[in-house]
Amino acid sequence: MSEPLRLRRRALMVGLAGLGLCRPAAATVDPARLEIGRYVYVPSAVTPDVSVIDSEANRIVGQMPAGLVARQAVISRSAATLVAIDGRSPTAALVDVFAGTVRRVALPAPAQRLTLGAAGQLVAATDLAGGTIAVIDLGEGRVSTRIAGLPKLRDVMFGARDTVLYVAADGISGVGVVDLASGVMTHRIAASRPDPAGMAALARTPDGRLILALPQGGGPISVLDPAKGAPVGQLAAGLGTDAVFPSGAGNYLLVPDSESATLAVFRAAHPADPVSLPGAAGVVGLYTAWLDSVAFMPSAADRRVLVYDLDAMRRIDDIALRGTPARGAVTADSRALYLPVLDPPSLLVLDGQTRAVSASIDLPSRPLAAIIAGASGVCH
């Protein structure tokens, strides 16, 4: 990156310090809720606790009850609530991150997947095998919509205004659209290249306007326009593709292929001309930092983090890990990635500017994931 570009990016980063990239105007938001983004929440995978890390000091400042041993957890900045499920019991735990109090919400079935709505007020708790979804209203602390009778589910995603759910399910060659007012799947959006087995995963394009649907059998990714209710194109992808990652600032779409050990980078301005870079197998996530100038790709198979310079479109480094990485999160200002390591239990801080580990924080037990309210690329 040229020095003028680096200086401009640094100046912009200073201006964004402490601010969420998708944050509403401060006058309309409780200041205490804005402060949530300063903290990193790390639920334990073996105890009903959450470690709270101050990202300014990079140290543990407290423990918070999770209400259960979490299998998955999400956090809403607007509701100041961490939601956790254990994957076995028909219960969700709602933790007030200010008071540390826990509310329990009864679910119609055990859930294995949590999906946070765009406004941060709704959470979909999904029983994947049973084809049921319970939509929890965080303000009311109860299930507001129950959806049943769906095929085996693979993925669930809220619409931009939280009025519908998009579902990827076995036997649906495209994407099912569920109306939240009625709890009924009203129609389907066909895939650009139908797969009788159904879609495996859903994502949005970097601008948030279109839906991306990955087929279970791998191959090209369908690009769907929900406003038109129809496919509008497709993106090239290999048979080893099982996830798509829009970048934090919306400049890129990152598509790893574990079978070919490559990373395809689709630029928002030129989506038909992806750049192929060396990748890895066993990818557990893909994160962009420093305003999309750098990408970190942890590999559980190789116990390392692959580092990419997205300005130069090249892989520039590997960071060796002492243990297996878990799901991490990037701060709202995109300065750093917080990456949990399972063995020994620790939390690494990967600095976006230096593209290196800047701190390592010992954790009291095996971590499930790192969660940041309003994390870069997550607008709620």
Protein backbone atom coordinates (compact mmCIF):
# COMPACT_ATOMS: atom_id res chain seq x y z
CA MET A 1 0.00 0.00 0.00
CA SER A 2 1.33 3.42 -0.90
CA GLU A 3 2.22 5.84 1.90
CA PRO A 4 -0.47 8.41 0.97
CA LEU A 5 -3.13 5.69 1.01
CA ARG A 6 -1.81 4.39 4.33
CA LEU A 7 -1.94 7.88 5.84
CA ARG A 8 -5.48 8.47 4.60
CA ARG A 9 -6.60 5.13 6.02
CA ARG A 10 -4.91 5.88 9.37
CA ALA A 11 -6.66 9.26 9.55
CA LEU A 12 -9.99 7.66 8.81
CA MET A 13 -9.38 4.98 11.42
CA VAL A 14 -8.67 7.65 14.03
CA GLY A 15 -11.96 9.30 13.15
CA LEU A 16 -13.76 5.97 13.53
CA ALA A 17 -12.13 5.02 16.82
CA GLY A 18 -14.75 3.87 19.27
CA LEU A 19 -17.53 4.06 16.69
CA GLY A 20 -19.46 1.21 15.07
CA LEU A 21 -19.36 1.30 11.27
CA CYS A 22 -23.13 0.73 11.15
CA ARG A 23 -24.03 2.68 14.27
CA PRO A 24 -27.10 4.93 14.26
CA ALA A 25 -26.82 8.57 15.31
CA ALA A 26 -25.64 8.87 18.91
CA ALA A 27 -28.57 11.10 19.84
CA THR A 28 -31.00 8.21 19.29
CA VAL A 29 -29.02 5.56 21.20
CA ASP A 30 -28.49 5.01 24.91
CA PRO A 31 -24.79 5.92 25.47
CA ALA A 32 -24.37 2.87 27.69
CA ARG A 33 -25.28 0.64 24.76
CA LEU A 34 -22.63 2.28 22.62
CA GLU A 35 -20.08 1.29 25.25
CA ILE A 36 -20.96 -2.41 24.84
CA GLY A 37 -18.81 -2.49 21.70
CA ARG A 38 -15.72 -1.86 23.84
CA TYR A 39 -15.98 -5.34 25.34
CA VAL A 40 -15.31 -8.80 23.98
CA TYR A 41 -17.52 -11.56 25.36
CA VAL A 42 -16.12 -15.09 25.39
CA PRO A 43 -18.58 -17.81 26.47
CA SER A 44 -16.98 -20.93 27.90
CA ALA A 45 -17.58 -24.21 26.06
CA VAL A 46 -17.47 -26.20 29.32
CA THR A 47 -18.91 -23.97 32.07
CA PRO A 48 -21.99 -21.68 32.24
CA ASP A 49 -19.86 -18.53 32.27
CA VAL A 50 -18.78 -15.71 29.96
CA SER A 51 -15.42 -13.95 30.25
CA VAL A 52 -15.63 -10.20 29.64
CA ILE A 53 -12.54 -8.59 28.11
CA ASP A 54 -11.90 -4.85 27.91
CA SER A 55 -10.57 -4.31 24.37
CA GLU A 56 -8.85 -1.07 25.35
CA ALA A 57 -6.78 -2.73 28.07
CA ASN A 58 -6.81 -6.26 26.59
CA ARG A 59 -7.49 -7.93 29.91
CA ILE A 60 -10.32 -9.84 31.57
CA VAL A 61 -12.41 -7.47 33.67
CA GLY A 62 -15.07 -9.87 34.88
CA GLN A 63 -17.16 -13.01 34.54
CA MET A 64 -20.83 -13.07 33.59
CA PRO A 65 -23.34 -15.92 33.93
CA ALA A 66 -24.44 -17.52 30.65
CA GLY A 67 -27.37 -19.38 32.18
CA LEU A 68 -26.21 -22.63 30.53
CA VAL A 69 -23.18 -24.21 28.91
CA ALA A 70 -23.44 -22.54 25.53
CA ARG A 71 -23.25 -24.29 22.19
CA GLN A 72 -23.87 -21.00 20.41
CA ALA A 73 -24.28 -17.40 21.54
CA VAL A 74 -25.03 -14.07 19.88
CA ILE A 75 -25.15 -10.55 21.29
CA SER A 76 -27.40 -7.61 20.46
CA ARG A 77 -26.05 -4.13 20.99
CA SER A 78 -29.45 -2.45 20.74
CA ALA A 79 -31.03 -4.82 23.29
CA ALA A 80 -27.86 -5.09 25.45
CA THR A 81 -28.52 -8.81 25.58
CA LEU A 82 -26.45 -11.94 25.07
CA VAL A 83 -28.51 -14.93 23.90
CA ALA A 84 -27.23 -18.48 24.40
CA ILE A 85 -28.45 -22.02 23.70
CA ASP A 86 -26.97 -25.37 24.69
CA GLY A 87 -28.29 -27.35 21.70
CA ARG A 88 -29.91 -29.98 23.94
CA SER A 89 -32.64 -28.38 26.03
CA PRO A 90 -35.68 -26.43 24.73
CA THR A 91 -34.41 -23.27 26.40
CA ALA A 92 -32.70 -20.04 25.47
CA ALA A 93 -30.90 -17.89 28.04
CA LEU A 94 -31.15 -14.09 27.72
CA VAL A 95 -28.38 -12.34 29.65
CA ASP A 96 -28.54 -8.61 30.42
CA VAL A 97 -24.93 -7.56 29.85
CA PHE A 98 -25.26 -4.57 32.20
CA ALA A 99 -27.04 -6.22 35.13
CA GLY A 100 -25.70 -9.75 34.62
CA THR A 101 -29.21 -11.15 35.13
CA VAL A 102 -30.50 -14.17 33.19
CA ARG A 103 -33.98 -14.74 31.80
CA ARG A 104 -34.96 -18.14 30.45
CA VAL A 105 -37.21 -18.49 27.42
CA ALA A 106 -38.98 -21.79 26.71
CA LEU A 107 -38.57 -22.99 23.12
CA PRO A 108 -40.82 -25.47 21.28
CA ALA A 109 -37.77 -27.68 20.64
CA PRO A 110 -34.02 -27.69 21.34
CA ALA A 111 -32.24 -25.26 19.00
CA GLN A 112 -28.82 -25.66 17.42
CA ARG A 113 -28.60 -22.34 15.56
CA LEU A 114 -29.12 -18.71 16.58
CA THR A 115 -29.59 -15.92 14.04
CA LEU A 116 -29.78 -12.25 15.07
CA GLY A 117 -32.14 -9.93 13.23
CA ALA A 118 -30.97 -6.81 11.42
CA ALA A 119 -32.31 -4.45 14.12
CA GLY A 120 -31.00 -6.59 16.97
CA GLN A 121 -34.44 -7.03 18.54
CA LEU A 122 -35.29 -10.49 17.21
CA VAL A 123 -33.39 -13.78 17.38
CA ALA A 124 -34.32 -16.93 15.46
CA ALA A 125 -33.62 -20.11 17.46
CA THR A 126 -33.66 -22.97 14.95
CA ASP A 127 -34.05 -26.72 15.40
CA LEU A 128 -32.25 -27.69 12.20
CA ALA A 129 -33.21 -31.37 12.00
CA GLY A 130 -36.78 -30.78 13.19
CA GLY A 131 -37.49 -27.94 10.77
CA THR A 132 -38.81 -25.59 13.47
CA ILE A 133 -37.92 -21.97 14.24
CA ALA A 134 -38.78 -19.96 17.35
CA VAL A 135 -38.42 -16.20 16.91
CA ILE A 136 -37.58 -14.54 20.23
CA ASP A 137 -38.51 -10.91 20.88
CA LEU A 138 -35.66 -9.62 23.07
CA GLY A 139 -37.65 -6.62 24.29
CA GLU A 140 -40.50 -8.78 25.54
CA GLY A 141 -38.35 -11.74 26.51
CA ARG A 142 -40.60 -14.31 24.85
CA VAL A 143 -41.16 -16.31 21.67
CA SER A 144 -43.22 -14.10 19.37
CA THR A 145 -43.49 -16.44 16.35
CA ARG A 146 -43.36 -20.24 16.03
CA ILE A 147 -42.65 -21.75 12.63
CA ALA A 148 -43.02 -25.52 12.13
CA GLY A 149 -43.36 -28.09 9.39
CA LEU A 150 -40.30 -27.03 7.40
CA PRO A 151 -37.89 -29.56 5.85
CA LYS A 152 -34.53 -30.21 7.47
CA LEU A 153 -32.93 -26.79 7.67
CA ARG A 154 -29.38 -25.86 6.70
CA ASP A 155 -29.35 -22.10 7.26
CA VAL A 156 -31.62 -19.23 8.30
CA MET A 157 -31.24 -15.50 7.58
CA PHE A 158 -33.44 -12.50 8.40
CA GLY A 159 -34.61 -10.12 5.70
CA ALA A 160 -33.27 -6.58 5.79
CA ARG A 161 -36.32 -5.29 7.73
CA ASP A 162 -36.88 -8.35 9.93
CA THR A 163 -40.29 -9.03 8.36
CA VAL A 164 -39.28 -12.30 6.68
CA LEU A 165 -36.87 -15.17 7.16
CA TYR A 166 -34.96 -16.74 4.30
CA VAL A 167 -34.33 -20.47 4.75
CA ALA A 168 -32.03 -22.99 3.08
CA ALA A 169 -33.50 -26.46 3.47
CA ASP A 170 -33.26 -29.98 2.11
CA GLY A 171 -35.31 -30.46 -1.05
CA ILE A 172 -35.76 -26.72 -1.69
CA SER A 173 -33.64 -26.03 -4.77
CA GLY A 174 -33.71 -22.30 -4.05
CA VAL A 175 -34.50 -20.22 -0.96
CA GLY A 176 -37.72 -20.41 1.05
CA VAL A 177 -39.32 -17.15 2.23
CA VAL A 178 -41.14 -17.26 5.59
CA ASP A 179 -43.47 -14.41 6.56
CA LEU A 180 -42.92 -13.57 10.23
CA ALA A 181 -46.41 -12.16 10.74
CA SER A 182 -48.05 -15.48 9.83
CA GLY A 183 -45.18 -17.90 10.43
CA VAL A 184 -45.83 -19.48 7.03
CA MET A 185 -43.47 -20.09 4.12
CA THR A 186 -45.24 -18.05 1.46
CA HIS A 187 -43.04 -18.71 -1.58
CA ARG A 188 -39.64 -19.74 -2.88
CA ILE A 189 -36.97 -17.92 -4.84
CA ALA A 190 -35.48 -20.21 -7.47
CA ALA A 191 -31.73 -20.69 -7.65
CA SER A 192 -29.86 -19.68 -10.78
CA ARG A 193 -28.56 -23.25 -10.91
CA PRO A 194 -31.05 -25.55 -9.15
CA ASP A 195 -29.70 -28.25 -6.84
CA PRO A 196 -32.33 -30.91 -5.95
CA ALA A 197 -30.59 -31.48 -2.60
CA GLY A 198 -31.18 -27.84 -1.65
CA MET A 199 -29.01 -24.95 -0.56
CA ALA A 200 -26.33 -25.32 2.13
CA ALA A 201 -25.75 -21.74 3.30
CA LEU A 202 -27.00 -18.20 2.82
CA ALA A 203 -25.27 -14.81 2.87
CA ARG A 204 -25.75 -11.29 1.57
CA THR A 205 -23.80 -9.40 -1.04
CA PRO A 206 -21.53 -6.71 0.45
CA ASP A 207 -24.15 -4.01 -0.22
CA GLY A 208 -26.77 -6.09 1.62
CA ARG A 209 -29.25 -5.92 -1.28
CA LEU A 210 -28.99 -9.40 -2.76
CA ILE A 211 -28.97 -12.94 -1.35
CA LEU A 212 -26.22 -15.46 -2.00
CA ALA A 213 -27.17 -19.15 -1.90
CA LEU A 214 -24.58 -21.95 -1.84
CA PRO A 215 -25.76 -25.35 -3.14
CA GLN A 216 -25.19 -28.41 -0.97
CA GLY A 217 -23.27 -30.10 -3.76
CA GLY A 218 -20.91 -27.14 -4.15
CA GLY A 219 -20.34 -25.22 -7.34
CA PRO A 220 -21.62 -21.84 -8.55
CA ILE A 221 -23.26 -19.52 -5.98
CA SER A 222 -26.72 -18.23 -6.90
CA VAL A 223 -27.30 -14.48 -6.66
CA LEU A 224 -30.95 -13.77 -5.85
CA ASP A 225 -32.90 -10.52 -5.79
CA PRO A 226 -35.59 -10.73 -3.05
CA ALA A 227 -37.37 -7.65 -4.45
CA LYS A 228 -37.82 -9.40 -7.79
CA GLY A 229 -38.18 -12.85 -6.27
CA ALA A 230 -35.85 -14.25 -8.90
CA PRO A 231 -32.21 -15.11 -9.60
CA VAL A 232 -30.14 -12.36 -11.22
CA GLY A 233 -26.83 -14.15 -11.73
CA GLN A 234 -24.26 -16.47 -10.23
CA LEU A 235 -20.69 -16.41 -8.93
CA ALA A 236 -18.06 -18.97 -9.79
CA ALA A 237 -17.19 -21.33 -6.92
CA GLY A 238 -15.59 -24.74 -6.55
CA LEU A 239 -16.95 -27.97 -5.13
CA GLY A 240 -15.14 -27.38 -1.82
CA THR A 241 -16.95 -24.11 -1.11
CA ASP A 242 -19.20 -24.24 1.96
CA ALA A 243 -19.27 -20.61 3.14
CA VAL A 244 -19.21 -17.05 1.84
CA PHE A 245 -17.88 -14.09 3.83
CA PRO A 246 -18.80 -10.48 2.96
CA SER A 247 -16.01 -8.17 4.12
CA GLY A 248 -16.52 -5.82 7.07
CA ALA A 249 -16.56 -2.59 5.04
CA GLY A 250 -18.39 -4.17 2.11
CA ASN A 251 -15.60 -3.97 -0.46
CA TYR A 252 -15.17 -7.70 -1.05
CA LEU A 253 -16.83 -11.08 -1.02
CA LEU A 254 -14.43 -13.79 0.22
CA VAL A 255 -15.03 -17.40 -0.83
CA PRO A 256 -12.67 -20.09 0.52
CA ASP A 257 -12.53 -23.52 -1.14
CA SER A 258 -11.18 -26.22 1.18
CA GLU A 259 -10.93 -28.85 -1.56
CA SER A 260 -8.63 -26.81 -3.79
CA ALA A 261 -7.08 -24.86 -0.85
CA THR A 262 -7.78 -21.52 -2.53
CA LEU A 263 -9.43 -18.23 -1.66
CA ALA A 264 -11.51 -16.41 -4.28
CA VAL A 265 -11.82 -12.66 -3.70
CA PHE A 266 -14.72 -10.97 -5.48
CA ARG A 267 -14.38 -7.19 -5.61
CA ALA A 268 -17.67 -5.33 -5.19
CA ALA A 269 -16.82 -3.12 -8.16
CA HIS A 270 -15.87 -6.07 -10.41
CA PRO A 271 -17.80 -9.18 -9.22
CA ALA A 272 -17.32 -11.04 -12.51
CA ASP A 273 -13.52 -10.97 -12.20
CA PRO A 274 -12.49 -12.74 -8.96
CA VAL A 275 -8.88 -13.01 -7.82
CA SER A 276 -7.69 -16.49 -6.80
CA LEU A 277 -5.21 -16.65 -3.91
CA PRO A 278 -3.56 -19.59 -2.08
CA GLY A 279 -5.75 -20.82 0.77
CA ALA A 280 -6.04 -23.73 3.19
CA ALA A 281 -8.31 -26.52 4.37
CA GLY A 282 -10.24 -26.50 7.63
CA VAL A 283 -11.11 -22.80 7.53
CA VAL A 284 -13.04 -21.74 10.67
CA GLY A 285 -13.81 -18.17 9.63
CA LEU A 286 -12.63 -15.28 7.51
CA TYR A 287 -12.25 -11.76 8.86
CA THR A 288 -11.29 -8.41 7.35
CA ALA A 289 -9.72 -5.59 9.37
CA TRP A 290 -8.27 -2.10 8.98
CA LEU A 291 -11.07 -1.04 6.64
CA ASP A 292 -10.78 -4.11 4.42
CA SER A 293 -7.06 -3.70 3.77
CA VAL A 294 -6.20 -7.01 5.43
CA ALA A 295 -7.87 -10.42 5.76
CA PHE A 296 -7.20 -13.08 8.41
CA MET A 297 -8.17 -16.69 7.63
CA PRO A 298 -7.72 -19.15 10.55
CA SER A 299 -7.24 -22.81 9.64
CA ALA A 300 -8.05 -25.45 12.25
CA ALA A 301 -6.46 -28.14 10.08
CA ASP A 302 -3.09 -26.38 9.99
CA ARG A 303 -3.30 -24.43 13.29
CA ARG A 304 -2.32 -21.19 11.64
CA VAL A 305 -3.79 -17.94 10.43
CA LEU A 306 -3.28 -17.00 6.79
CA VAL A 307 -2.80 -13.24 6.32
CA TYR A 308 -3.75 -11.40 3.11
CA ASP A 309 -3.03 -7.89 1.88
CA LEU A 310 -6.26 -7.04 0.06
CA ASP A 311 -4.87 -3.80 -1.37
CA ALA A 312 -2.15 -5.75 -3.14
CA MET A 313 -4.31 -8.88 -3.57
CA ARG A 314 -1.73 -11.31 -2.24
CA ARG A 315 -1.10 -13.65 0.67
CA ILE A 316 1.66 -12.11 2.76
CA ASP A 317 2.15 -14.20 5.89
CA ASP A 318 1.17 -17.14 8.10
CA ILE A 319 0.78 -16.84 11.87
CA ALA A 320 1.43 -20.12 13.70
CA LEU A 321 -1.00 -21.01 16.51
CA ARG A 322 -0.30 -23.06 19.62
CA GLY A 323 -3.76 -24.66 19.44
CA THR A 324 -6.96 -24.95 17.44
CA PRO A 325 -8.72 -21.66 16.56
CA ALA A 326 -12.41 -21.07 17.19
CA ARG A 327 -14.81 -18.42 15.86
CA GLY A 328 -13.59 -14.85 16.42
CA ALA A 329 -14.84 -11.30 15.94
CA VAL A 330 -13.51 -8.00 14.63
CA THR A 331 -13.98 -4.79 16.60
CA ALA A 332 -16.57 -2.32 15.29
CA ASP A 333 -13.85 0.10 14.20
CA SER A 334 -12.12 -2.79 12.35
CA ARG A 335 -8.86 -2.28 14.22
CA ALA A 336 -8.38 -5.84 15.51
CA LEU A 337 -9.51 -9.46 15.33
CA TYR A 338 -10.08 -11.29 18.63
CA LEU A 339 -9.46 -14.98 17.95
CA PRO A 340 -10.03 -17.68 20.60
CA VAL A 341 -7.69 -20.67 20.76
CA LEU A 342 -9.00 -23.86 22.36
CA ASP A 343 -5.81 -25.47 23.63
CA PRO A 344 -4.42 -23.91 25.72
CA PRO A 345 -7.45 -21.63 26.34
CA SER A 346 -6.50 -18.16 25.22
CA LEU A 347 -7.65 -15.15 23.22
CA LEU A 348 -5.30 -13.70 20.61
CA VAL A 349 -5.49 -10.09 19.46
CA LEU A 350 -4.50 -9.70 15.80
CA ASP A 351 -3.80 -6.08 14.96
CA GLY A 352 -5.13 -4.97 11.58
CA GLN A 353 -2.47 -2.34 10.96
CA THR A 354 0.60 -4.41 11.88
CA ARG A 355 -1.03 -7.67 10.70
CA ALA A 356 0.48 -9.49 13.66
CA VAL A 357 -0.46 -10.74 17.13
CA SER A 358 -0.39 -7.78 19.49
CA ALA A 359 -1.60 -9.52 22.67
CA SER A 360 -2.49 -12.91 24.12
CA ILE A 361 -4.99 -13.21 26.97
CA ASP A 362 -5.20 -16.38 29.08
CA LEU A 363 -8.76 -17.65 29.53
CA PRO A 364 -10.09 -19.60 32.55
CA SER A 365 -11.59 -22.40 30.43
CA ARG A 366 -12.01 -23.68 26.87
CA PRO A 367 -13.64 -20.90 24.81
CA LEU A 368 -16.66 -21.33 22.57
CA ALA A 369 -16.22 -18.14 20.53
CA ALA A 370 -15.45 -14.44 20.79
CA ILE A 371 -18.42 -12.11 20.40
CA ILE A 372 -18.48 -8.31 20.00
CA ALA A 373 -21.68 -6.27 19.91
CA GLY A 374 -21.84 -4.34 16.67
CA ALA A 375 -18.79 -6.16 15.31
CA SER A 376 -17.37 -4.94 12.02
CA GLY A 377 -19.61 -6.15 9.21
CA VAL A 378 -22.51 -6.92 11.56
CA CYS A 379 -25.02 -4.09 11.55
CA HIS A 380 -27.09 -4.60 14.71
